[in-house]
Amino acid sequence: MKFTICVTHRCNLRCDYCYIGKNDATMDVPTASAVVDWIFERAGDGEKVDIGLFGGEPLLVFDLVRSVVDLIEAHPRFDRERVIVSIVSNGTIFTPGIAAFLREHRIHYCLSFDGPPDVQNRFRHFENGRGSADLVERNARAALAALEWIPVNAVYRPETFRRLPDTVRYLSGLGFRQIYLSPDFSAPWTREETESLAAVYDEIADLYIDSHLRGEPLFLSPIDGKITVLLRGGYRAEERCRMGQAEFAFTPLGQIYPCERLIGCGTTDKHRIGNITSGVNERFATDTRLQSECLGCTLKDYCMNWCGCSNFFATGDYGRTGPAICASERAAIASAARAFQAVELRLGPTFMAHLTGHPSMIASGRF
């Protein structure tokens, strides 16, 4: 089960594409305590639990983050072997004290960083318009030196998707081995742009293949994610969207949403499904039925047509996939199949970790 605690709506950046509204709302400790209790009551015994600390920028309220982690670890049902705690940061705040805390409590630090300076500064800037690239790169280098393993997430849009190969080269050059490339489907993608995705993904596949042949494998989400589902014969039921059923997000005021991407300002009823005092609307469910144009597609079992929030941002409907999603998924599946064949042909069996659900272990060298 996945739970996201939005500890604050405060942020020192004003990223153009951000889906979280900016205000001064910050969670107090009693609300955090109630949220943690709700999480452990909801999660079944023995079930894996993923708790993400989110914002805004959560490290702006580092003392609160400490308190929330204390609440999680002090809970009677906390089990370090089944509970994963992570924090998502924009990379503008990082200190030796933060690094020591993350190491001590085994918290996964995830960095949002779009790529080379001109790409990063295109959308990720401070309120006064000043770019964040220099500061984030400096803190990224410090984090990579201080922490064992850092995943990085790069968002791309119609204006920047052609730079994705440069983004992979740049981030891997800094030392990142686990790179997530995330499309912004809320952007106005044109047909020409979606048709160009295949060529860009092929360039990424070439970089992926080369990294494996050099003995320095990268984890690249569009490639590794699809290799996994290709080997498994499609997405498993537990991998598909279960927002509002096995995935929940909490605002600073204790409101409950089915996914952190749908929180917005946290003050409207549009996607809200409850609060920690009254519980959730158990009747909420995403429509997982395939739309008619997908039913005859041979790739439907390997496609993320089931992602409710991506669908909503693309089409305004949890259950309806947009053309940009379709084009991205087709491109990723084709590129992943080619990368798989190329690596296996040269190196032999390489992807057992994907079958066990841990493809990033290959890049970490821990599998």
Protein backbone atom coordinates (compact mmCIF):
# COMPACT_ATOMS: atom_id res chain seq x y z
CA MET A 1 0.00 0.00 0.00
CA LYS A 2 1.16 3.52 -0.75
CA PHE A 3 0.52 6.52 1.48
CA THR A 4 1.71 10.08 0.82
CA ILE A 5 1.79 12.64 3.62
CA CYS A 6 1.84 16.20 2.28
CA VAL A 7 3.45 17.82 5.33
CA THR A 8 3.30 21.34 3.90
CA HIS A 9 2.07 23.32 0.92
CA ARG A 10 4.95 25.77 1.36
CA CYS A 11 7.61 25.72 -1.35
CA ASN A 12 10.54 27.93 -2.25
CA LEU A 13 10.19 27.11 -5.97
CA ARG A 14 7.42 28.03 -8.38
CA CYS A 15 7.67 25.24 -10.96
CA ASP A 16 5.39 26.02 -13.90
CA TYR A 17 3.92 22.53 -14.15
CA CYS A 18 3.49 21.75 -10.44
CA TYR A 19 0.17 20.14 -9.54
CA ILE A 20 0.34 21.11 -5.83
CA GLY A 21 -1.09 24.50 -4.88
CA LYS A 22 1.19 26.83 -2.93
CA ASN A 23 0.00 28.23 0.40
CA ASP A 24 1.15 28.34 4.02
CA ALA A 25 -0.74 25.23 5.16
CA THR A 26 1.55 23.02 7.26
CA MET A 27 0.57 19.90 9.15
CA ASP A 28 0.60 20.06 12.95
CA VAL A 29 1.82 17.17 15.09
CA PRO A 30 -1.65 16.05 16.33
CA THR A 31 -2.84 15.78 12.71
CA ALA A 32 0.33 13.91 11.77
CA SER A 33 -0.25 11.51 14.65
CA ALA A 34 -3.81 10.86 13.49
CA VAL A 35 -2.61 10.29 9.91
CA VAL A 36 0.04 7.78 11.04
CA ASP A 37 -2.55 5.94 13.13
CA TRP A 38 -4.91 5.87 10.13
CA ILE A 39 -2.18 4.47 7.89
CA PHE A 40 -1.31 1.59 10.18
CA GLU A 41 -4.98 0.81 10.83
CA ARG A 42 -5.59 0.66 7.08
CA ALA A 43 -2.57 -1.45 6.22
CA GLY A 44 -2.99 -5.17 6.80
CA ASP A 45 -0.64 -7.22 8.93
CA GLY A 46 2.41 -8.27 6.97
CA GLU A 47 1.60 -5.97 4.06
CA LYS A 48 4.34 -3.82 2.54
CA VAL A 49 3.75 -0.16 3.35
CA ASP A 50 5.27 2.76 1.43
CA ILE A 51 5.01 6.10 3.26
CA GLY A 52 6.18 9.15 1.31
CA LEU A 53 6.78 12.58 2.86
CA PHE A 54 5.84 15.20 0.34
CA GLY A 55 5.14 18.90 -0.13
CA GLY A 56 5.52 21.67 -1.20
CA GLU A 57 9.09 21.25 -0.14
CA PRO A 58 9.13 19.04 2.97
CA LEU A 59 12.65 20.03 4.02
CA LEU A 60 11.39 23.58 4.64
CA VAL A 61 9.78 22.06 7.74
CA PHE A 62 12.56 19.66 8.69
CA ASP A 63 11.63 19.69 12.40
CA LEU A 64 8.14 18.50 11.45
CA VAL A 65 9.65 15.79 9.23
CA ARG A 66 11.63 14.59 12.26
CA SER A 67 8.45 14.48 14.32
CA VAL A 68 6.53 12.53 11.67
CA VAL A 69 9.34 9.99 11.35
CA ASP A 70 9.38 9.62 15.15
CA LEU A 71 5.61 8.97 15.09
CA ILE A 72 6.01 6.34 12.38
CA GLU A 73 8.87 4.52 14.08
CA ALA A 74 7.21 4.66 17.52
CA HIS A 75 3.96 3.17 16.28
CA PRO A 76 3.28 -0.33 17.72
CA ARG A 77 2.75 -1.73 14.23
CA PHE A 78 5.93 -0.27 12.73
CA ASP A 79 8.18 -2.91 11.21
CA ARG A 80 11.32 -1.70 9.49
CA GLU A 81 11.37 -4.74 7.24
CA ARG A 82 7.98 -3.97 5.69
CA VAL A 83 7.67 -0.17 6.06
CA ILE A 84 9.57 2.06 3.63
CA VAL A 85 9.74 5.78 4.37
CA SER A 86 10.81 8.19 1.64
CA ILE A 87 11.03 11.93 1.16
CA VAL A 88 10.70 13.81 -2.13
CA SER A 89 12.71 17.03 -2.34
CA ASN A 90 13.30 19.71 -4.95
CA GLY A 91 17.00 19.68 -4.07
CA THR A 92 17.27 23.30 -2.92
CA ILE A 93 17.84 22.31 0.71
CA PHE A 94 20.44 19.79 1.83
CA THR A 95 22.80 19.84 4.81
CA PRO A 96 25.09 17.38 6.61
CA GLY A 97 22.49 17.24 9.39
CA ILE A 98 19.76 16.25 6.95
CA ALA A 99 22.06 13.61 5.43
CA ALA A 100 22.84 12.16 8.86
CA PHE A 101 19.14 11.98 9.74
CA LEU A 102 18.27 10.23 6.47
CA ARG A 103 21.04 7.68 6.99
CA GLU A 104 20.16 7.05 10.65
CA HIS A 105 16.50 6.40 9.90
CA ARG A 106 17.06 4.64 6.55
CA ILE A 107 14.85 7.12 4.73
CA HIS A 108 14.91 7.04 0.93
CA TYR A 109 15.79 10.47 -0.44
CA CYS A 110 14.24 11.11 -3.86
CA LEU A 111 15.31 14.15 -5.86
CA SER A 112 13.26 16.09 -8.43
CA PHE A 113 15.73 17.38 -11.03
CA ASP A 114 14.84 17.90 -14.68
CA GLY A 115 18.31 17.80 -16.21
CA PRO A 116 20.96 20.15 -17.65
CA PRO A 117 20.86 23.78 -16.44
CA ASP A 118 18.83 25.15 -19.36
CA VAL A 119 16.30 22.31 -19.04
CA GLN A 120 16.07 22.60 -15.24
CA ASN A 121 15.69 26.38 -15.35
CA ARG A 122 13.04 26.24 -18.07
CA PHE A 123 10.30 25.32 -15.60
CA ARG A 124 11.90 24.90 -12.15
CA HIS A 125 12.65 28.37 -10.84
CA PHE A 126 12.28 30.49 -7.72
CA GLU A 127 9.40 32.89 -7.20
CA ASN A 128 11.49 35.77 -8.55
CA GLY A 129 12.16 33.82 -11.76
CA ARG A 130 15.77 32.93 -10.89
CA GLY A 131 16.75 29.46 -12.05
CA SER A 132 17.41 26.68 -9.53
CA ALA A 133 19.92 24.63 -11.55
CA ASP A 134 23.17 25.73 -9.90
CA LEU A 135 21.89 25.23 -6.36
CA VAL A 136 20.24 21.89 -7.11
CA GLU A 137 23.34 20.55 -8.85
CA ARG A 138 25.50 21.55 -5.90
CA ASN A 139 23.15 19.86 -3.44
CA ALA A 140 22.78 16.83 -5.70
CA ARG A 141 26.54 16.32 -5.65
CA ALA A 142 26.54 16.61 -1.86
CA ALA A 143 23.67 14.15 -1.53
CA LEU A 144 25.32 11.63 -3.86
CA ALA A 145 28.48 11.83 -1.77
CA ALA A 146 26.60 11.43 1.52
CA LEU A 147 23.92 8.85 0.72
CA GLU A 148 24.18 5.36 -0.70
CA TRP A 149 21.43 5.42 -3.31
CA ILE A 150 19.38 8.30 -4.72
CA PRO A 151 16.65 8.00 -7.35
CA VAL A 152 16.11 11.12 -9.43
CA ASN A 153 12.94 12.15 -11.23
CA ALA A 154 13.03 14.35 -14.35
CA VAL A 155 9.79 15.75 -15.73
CA TYR A 156 9.55 16.44 -19.44
CA ARG A 157 7.07 18.42 -21.48
CA PRO A 158 6.55 19.25 -25.19
CA GLU A 159 9.14 22.02 -24.85
CA THR A 160 11.86 19.73 -23.41
CA PHE A 161 11.23 16.10 -24.43
CA ARG A 162 13.75 16.24 -27.29
CA ARG A 163 16.44 16.92 -24.66
CA LEU A 164 15.77 13.67 -22.81
CA PRO A 165 18.97 11.99 -24.09
CA ASP A 166 20.94 15.02 -22.85
CA THR A 167 19.12 14.73 -19.52
CA VAL A 168 20.12 11.08 -19.17
CA ARG A 169 23.76 11.88 -20.02
CA TYR A 170 23.82 14.81 -17.60
CA LEU A 171 22.22 13.04 -14.64
CA SER A 172 24.26 9.86 -15.11
CA GLY A 173 27.37 12.01 -15.44
CA LEU A 174 26.64 13.47 -12.01
CA GLY A 175 26.48 9.94 -10.62
CA PHE A 176 22.77 9.06 -10.66
CA ARG A 177 22.11 5.44 -11.62
CA GLN A 178 18.35 5.29 -11.05
CA ILE A 179 16.64 7.80 -13.35
CA TYR A 180 12.90 8.26 -13.71
CA LEU A 181 11.66 10.15 -16.77
CA SER A 182 8.13 11.43 -16.18
CA PRO A 183 5.96 12.96 -18.89
CA ASP A 184 3.66 15.85 -18.04
CA PHE A 185 0.43 14.72 -19.67
CA SER A 186 -1.39 17.87 -18.57
CA ALA A 187 0.63 19.81 -21.17
CA PRO A 188 -0.82 20.57 -24.63
CA TRP A 189 0.96 17.90 -26.70
CA THR A 190 0.56 18.26 -30.46
CA ARG A 191 0.29 15.32 -32.83
CA GLU A 192 3.71 16.12 -34.30
CA GLU A 193 5.25 16.09 -30.83
CA THR A 194 3.68 12.78 -29.83
CA GLU A 195 4.81 11.22 -33.11
CA SER A 196 8.38 12.36 -32.34
CA LEU A 197 8.47 10.55 -29.01
CA ALA A 198 9.46 7.23 -30.61
CA ALA A 199 12.72 8.61 -32.02
CA VAL A 200 13.62 10.22 -28.68
CA TYR A 201 12.89 7.00 -26.78
CA ASP A 202 15.08 5.12 -29.25
CA GLU A 203 17.97 7.46 -28.40
CA ILE A 204 17.36 6.73 -24.72
CA ALA A 205 17.38 3.00 -25.47
CA ASP A 206 20.75 3.38 -27.20
CA LEU A 207 22.15 5.03 -24.05
CA TYR A 208 20.66 2.24 -21.96
CA ILE A 209 22.17 -0.48 -24.14
CA ASP A 210 25.57 1.22 -24.11
CA SER A 211 25.53 1.53 -20.30
CA HIS A 212 24.99 -2.22 -19.95
CA LEU A 213 27.65 -3.12 -22.50
CA ARG A 214 30.14 -0.88 -20.67
CA GLY A 215 29.39 -2.68 -17.41
CA GLU A 216 27.88 0.46 -15.86
CA PRO A 217 24.14 -0.23 -16.22
CA LEU A 218 21.61 2.51 -15.70
CA PHE A 219 18.06 2.12 -14.47
CA LEU A 220 15.89 4.18 -16.84
CA SER A 221 12.20 4.00 -15.98
CA PRO A 222 10.74 3.95 -19.53
CA ILE A 223 13.02 1.04 -20.44
CA ASP A 224 13.29 -1.00 -17.25
CA GLY A 225 9.62 -0.60 -16.40
CA LYS A 226 8.54 -1.99 -19.74
CA ILE A 227 11.11 -4.79 -19.75
CA THR A 228 9.55 -5.92 -16.48
CA VAL A 229 6.00 -6.06 -17.85
CA LEU A 230 7.15 -7.65 -21.11
CA LEU A 231 8.86 -10.46 -19.20
CA ARG A 232 5.84 -10.92 -16.92
CA GLY A 233 3.34 -10.88 -19.77
CA GLY A 234 1.67 -7.66 -18.69
CA TYR A 235 0.99 -5.58 -15.59
CA ARG A 236 -0.05 -7.47 -12.48
CA ALA A 237 -3.26 -6.50 -10.72
CA GLU A 238 -1.38 -4.98 -7.76
CA GLU A 239 0.72 -2.85 -10.12
CA ARG A 240 -2.29 -1.19 -11.70
CA CYS A 241 -3.95 1.94 -10.37
CA ARG A 242 -5.60 1.33 -7.00
CA MET A 243 -5.95 4.93 -5.94
CA GLY A 244 -8.52 5.38 -3.22
CA GLN A 245 -8.24 1.67 -2.41
CA ALA A 246 -4.56 0.90 -1.80
CA GLU A 247 -3.18 4.39 -2.40
CA PHE A 248 -4.01 7.49 -0.38
CA ALA A 249 -2.64 11.01 0.08
CA PHE A 250 -3.12 13.33 3.04
CA THR A 251 -3.11 17.14 3.04
CA PRO A 252 -1.69 19.23 5.90
CA LEU A 253 -5.25 19.57 7.25
CA GLY A 254 -5.89 15.83 7.22
CA GLN A 255 -8.02 15.69 4.07
CA ILE A 256 -7.69 12.44 2.13
CA TYR A 257 -7.20 12.19 -1.64
CA PRO A 258 -6.77 9.10 -3.82
CA CYS A 259 -3.35 10.22 -5.12
CA GLU A 260 -0.93 13.03 -4.26
CA ARG A 261 -1.12 14.29 -7.84
CA LEU A 262 -4.79 15.15 -7.30
CA ILE A 263 -4.40 17.20 -4.11
CA GLY A 264 -4.10 20.60 -5.80
CA CYS A 265 -4.51 23.28 -3.12
CA GLY A 266 -6.13 20.74 -0.81
CA THR A 267 -9.18 22.96 -0.33
CA THR A 268 -11.65 21.69 -2.94
CA ASP A 269 -13.94 18.67 -3.14
CA LYS A 270 -13.07 17.78 -6.74
CA HIS A 271 -10.99 14.71 -5.89
CA ARG A 272 -11.26 14.61 -2.11
CA ILE A 273 -12.55 11.27 -0.78
CA GLY A 274 -12.63 11.93 2.97
CA ASN A 275 -10.63 13.02 6.00
CA ILE A 276 -8.88 11.31 8.89
CA THR A 277 -11.77 11.88 11.29
CA SER A 278 -14.65 10.62 9.14
CA GLY A 279 -12.72 8.14 6.99
CA VAL A 280 -13.02 7.67 3.24
CA ASN A 281 -15.79 7.19 0.75
CA GLU A 282 -15.44 3.46 0.17
CA ARG A 283 -17.48 3.73 -3.02
CA PHE A 284 -14.71 5.68 -4.75
CA ALA A 285 -13.02 3.65 -7.45
CA THR A 286 -11.31 4.40 -10.72
CA ASP A 287 -12.93 3.06 -13.86
CA THR A 288 -10.51 0.35 -15.00
CA ARG A 289 -12.56 -0.68 -18.04
CA LEU A 290 -10.67 -0.11 -21.27
CA GLN A 291 -12.13 2.43 -23.66
CA SER A 292 -13.34 0.97 -26.94
CA GLU A 293 -10.36 2.14 -29.03
CA CYS A 294 -7.99 0.22 -26.71
CA LEU A 295 -9.81 -3.11 -26.70
CA GLY A 296 -8.29 -4.37 -29.93
CA CYS A 297 -4.76 -3.11 -29.20
CA THR A 298 -2.18 -5.89 -28.90
CA LEU A 299 -0.20 -3.76 -26.41
CA LYS A 300 -3.06 -3.11 -23.98
CA ASP A 301 -1.74 -5.48 -21.29
CA TYR A 302 1.64 -3.72 -21.31
CA CYS A 303 0.26 -0.17 -21.32
CA MET A 304 -0.39 2.19 -18.41
CA ASN A 305 -3.86 2.95 -19.73
CA TRP A 306 -5.02 2.29 -16.15
CA CYS A 307 -3.27 5.28 -14.47
CA GLY A 308 -6.18 7.32 -13.15
CA CYS A 309 -4.35 10.57 -12.42
CA SER A 310 -2.44 10.60 -15.74
CA ASN A 311 -5.71 9.99 -17.55
CA PHE A 312 -7.41 12.77 -15.64
CA PHE A 313 -4.69 15.31 -16.45
CA ALA A 314 -4.76 14.28 -20.10
CA THR A 315 -8.51 14.00 -20.70
CA GLY A 316 -10.36 15.06 -17.54
CA ASP A 317 -11.53 11.47 -17.00
CA TYR A 318 -9.92 8.91 -14.65
CA GLY A 319 -10.68 6.11 -17.10
CA ARG A 320 -9.92 7.69 -20.48
CA THR A 321 -6.42 7.64 -21.96
CA GLY A 322 -5.21 10.55 -24.08
CA PRO A 323 -3.21 10.43 -27.33
CA ALA A 324 0.03 11.58 -25.66
CA ILE A 325 -0.16 8.69 -23.17
CA CYS A 326 -0.84 6.24 -25.99
CA ALA A 327 2.11 7.50 -28.03
CA SER A 328 4.44 7.49 -25.02
CA GLU A 329 3.48 3.95 -24.03
CA ARG A 330 3.88 2.60 -27.56
CA ALA A 331 7.30 4.24 -27.87
CA ALA A 332 8.45 2.95 -24.48
CA ILE A 333 7.32 -0.63 -25.18
CA ALA A 334 9.05 -0.74 -28.57
CA SER A 335 12.28 0.79 -27.24
CA ALA A 336 12.33 -1.52 -24.23
CA ALA A 337 11.87 -4.60 -26.42
CA ARG A 338 14.77 -3.52 -28.62
CA ALA A 339 16.99 -2.76 -25.60
CA PHE A 340 16.18 -6.13 -24.03
CA GLN A 341 17.08 -8.03 -27.20
CA ALA A 342 20.29 -6.08 -27.74
CA VAL A 343 21.57 -6.57 -24.19
CA GLU A 344 20.59 -10.26 -23.96
CA LEU A 345 22.16 -10.96 -27.35
CA ARG A 346 25.51 -9.52 -26.25
CA LEU A 347 25.58 -10.36 -22.53
CA GLY A 348 23.24 -13.31 -22.11
CA PRO A 349 20.54 -13.50 -19.40
CA THR A 350 20.60 -10.14 -17.63
CA PHE A 351 17.13 -9.29 -16.41
CA MET A 352 16.21 -11.77 -13.65
CA ALA A 353 15.88 -8.84 -11.24
CA HIS A 354 13.00 -7.53 -13.33
CA LEU A 355 11.06 -10.74 -12.77
CA THR A 356 11.51 -10.43 -9.01
CA GLY A 357 10.34 -6.81 -9.04
CA HIS A 358 13.70 -5.18 -8.31
CA PRO A 359 15.09 -3.94 -11.65
CA SER A 360 16.92 -1.01 -10.04
CA MET A 361 19.14 -3.52 -8.23
CA ILE A 362 21.02 -4.12 -11.49
CA ALA A 363 22.15 -0.52 -11.67
CA SER A 364 22.97 -0.44 -7.96
CA GLY A 365 25.18 -3.49 -8.23
CA ARG A 366 23.32 -5.05 -5.28
CA PHE A 367 21.63 -7.90 -7.19
